[in-house]
């Protein structure tokens, strides 16, 4: 009889542990999203990277605009973009704005 009782308590611990892990993991599962990432490096005509450049990414179909700033290494990244065609504009003080079209 004791073995049966111990087995029941052991099963309760497993169920509790399973529920606890499911609750703890749920924020991470909800944070997963699908979509494309548009990323790149901004440099001048000599190849030197440029920091603090403003990047504007506009979805042609929805009109949604994502704005971001290039980091000190000249890198930018825009994750979780919906599939579609995008107009990308880079602007920086002392430079003409640059325009590119991207499809994702």
Protein backbone atom coordinates (compact mmCIF):
# COMPACT_ATOMS: atom_id res chain seq x y z
CA UNK A 1 0.00 0.00 0.00
CA UNK A 2 2.85 2.37 0.74
CA UNK A 3 4.32 1.90 -2.71
CA UNK A 4 1.02 2.86 -4.31
CA UNK A 5 0.83 6.05 -2.23
CA UNK A 6 4.43 6.98 -3.05
CA UNK A 7 3.74 6.37 -6.72
CA UNK A 8 0.73 8.67 -6.60
CA UNK A 9 2.74 11.47 -4.98
CA UNK A 10 5.52 10.99 -7.50
CA UNK A 11 2.96 11.29 -10.30
CA UNK A 12 1.61 14.49 -8.71
CA UNK A 13 5.11 15.97 -8.72
CA UNK A 14 5.56 15.14 -12.40
CA UNK A 15 2.23 16.74 -13.30
CA UNK A 16 3.04 19.83 -11.20
CA UNK A 17 6.49 20.10 -12.78
CA UNK A 18 5.01 19.76 -16.27
CA UNK A 19 2.45 22.48 -15.59
CA UNK A 20 5.09 24.75 -14.04
CA UNK A 21 7.39 24.34 -17.06
CA UNK A 22 4.51 25.03 -19.46
CA UNK A 23 3.66 28.25 -17.61
CA UNK A 24 7.28 29.39 -17.48
CA UNK A 25 7.88 28.65 -21.17
CA UNK A 26 4.72 30.31 -22.48
CA UNK A 27 6.12 33.89 -22.72
CA UNK A 28 8.97 32.58 -24.87
CA UNK A 29 6.62 30.71 -27.17
CA UNK A 30 4.40 33.78 -27.57
CA UNK A 31 7.43 35.90 -28.49
CA UNK A 32 8.14 33.85 -31.60
CA UNK A 33 6.97 35.58 -34.76
CA UNK A 34 7.37 34.94 -38.43
CA UNK A 35 8.46 37.33 -41.11
CA UNK A 36 11.48 38.59 -43.01
CA UNK A 37 14.45 40.58 -41.75
CA UNK A 38 15.93 43.40 -43.79
CA UNK A 39 19.47 44.22 -42.72
CA UNK A 40 22.61 45.78 -44.09
CA UNK A 41 25.60 48.06 -43.66
CA UNK A 42 25.70 51.74 -44.55
CA UNK A 43 28.96 53.08 -45.99
CA UNK A 44 30.15 56.05 -48.00
CA UNK A 45 31.72 55.94 -51.48
CA UNK A 46 35.17 55.19 -49.98
CA UNK A 47 33.79 52.18 -48.08
CA UNK A 48 33.94 53.80 -44.62
CA UNK A 49 30.95 52.79 -42.51
CA UNK A 50 28.54 55.51 -41.42
CA UNK A 51 26.86 55.67 -38.02
CA UNK A 52 23.66 57.44 -36.96
CA UNK A 53 22.09 57.23 -40.42
CA UNK A 54 18.29 57.26 -40.37
CA UNK A 55 16.73 54.33 -42.24
CA UNK A 56 13.07 54.42 -43.30
CA UNK A 57 11.47 51.19 -44.56
CA UNK A 58 8.04 51.63 -46.14
CA UNK A 59 5.77 48.74 -47.15
CA UNK A 60 4.40 49.67 -50.61
CA UNK A 61 1.12 47.78 -50.10
CA UNK A 62 0.18 48.83 -46.56
CA UNK A 63 1.99 52.17 -46.29
CA UNK A 64 3.43 51.08 -42.92
CA UNK A 65 6.79 52.74 -42.20
CA UNK A 66 9.48 51.34 -39.92
CA UNK A 67 12.17 53.84 -38.89
CA UNK A 68 15.49 52.95 -37.29
CA UNK A 69 18.97 54.34 -36.74
CA UNK A 70 22.19 52.69 -37.92
CA UNK A 71 24.50 51.66 -35.06
CA UNK A 72 28.13 52.71 -34.55
CA UNK A 73 29.35 49.83 -36.77
CA UNK A 74 27.15 51.02 -39.67
CA UNK A 75 24.73 48.10 -39.26
CA UNK A 76 20.94 48.10 -39.27
CA UNK A 77 18.36 45.36 -38.92
CA UNK A 78 14.57 45.42 -39.24
CA UNK A 79 13.15 42.04 -38.16
CA UNK A 80 9.62 40.69 -38.54
CA UNK A 81 8.65 42.44 -41.76
CA UNK A 82 5.64 41.13 -43.65
CA UNK A 83 6.37 39.68 -47.08
CA UNK A 84 6.11 42.36 -49.76
CA UNK A 85 7.85 45.18 -51.58
CA UNK A 86 9.59 47.86 -49.54
CA UNK A 87 11.01 51.29 -50.30
CA UNK A 88 14.15 51.88 -48.21
CA UNK A 89 15.52 55.39 -47.71
CA UNK A 90 18.74 56.34 -45.89
CA UNK A 91 19.32 59.93 -44.78
CA UNK A 92 22.32 61.46 -43.02
CA UNK A 93 23.63 64.97 -42.46
CA UNK A 94 26.01 66.00 -45.25
CA UNK A 95 24.80 63.28 -47.65
CA UNK A 96 22.06 63.09 -50.27
CA UNK A 97 19.24 60.72 -49.33
CA UNK A 98 19.66 57.26 -50.89
CA UNK A 99 16.72 55.20 -52.09
CA UNK A 100 16.46 51.45 -52.75
CA UNK A 101 13.62 49.03 -53.43
CA UNK A 102 13.60 45.66 -51.68
CA UNK A 103 11.31 42.64 -52.01
CA UNK A 104 10.77 40.12 -49.21
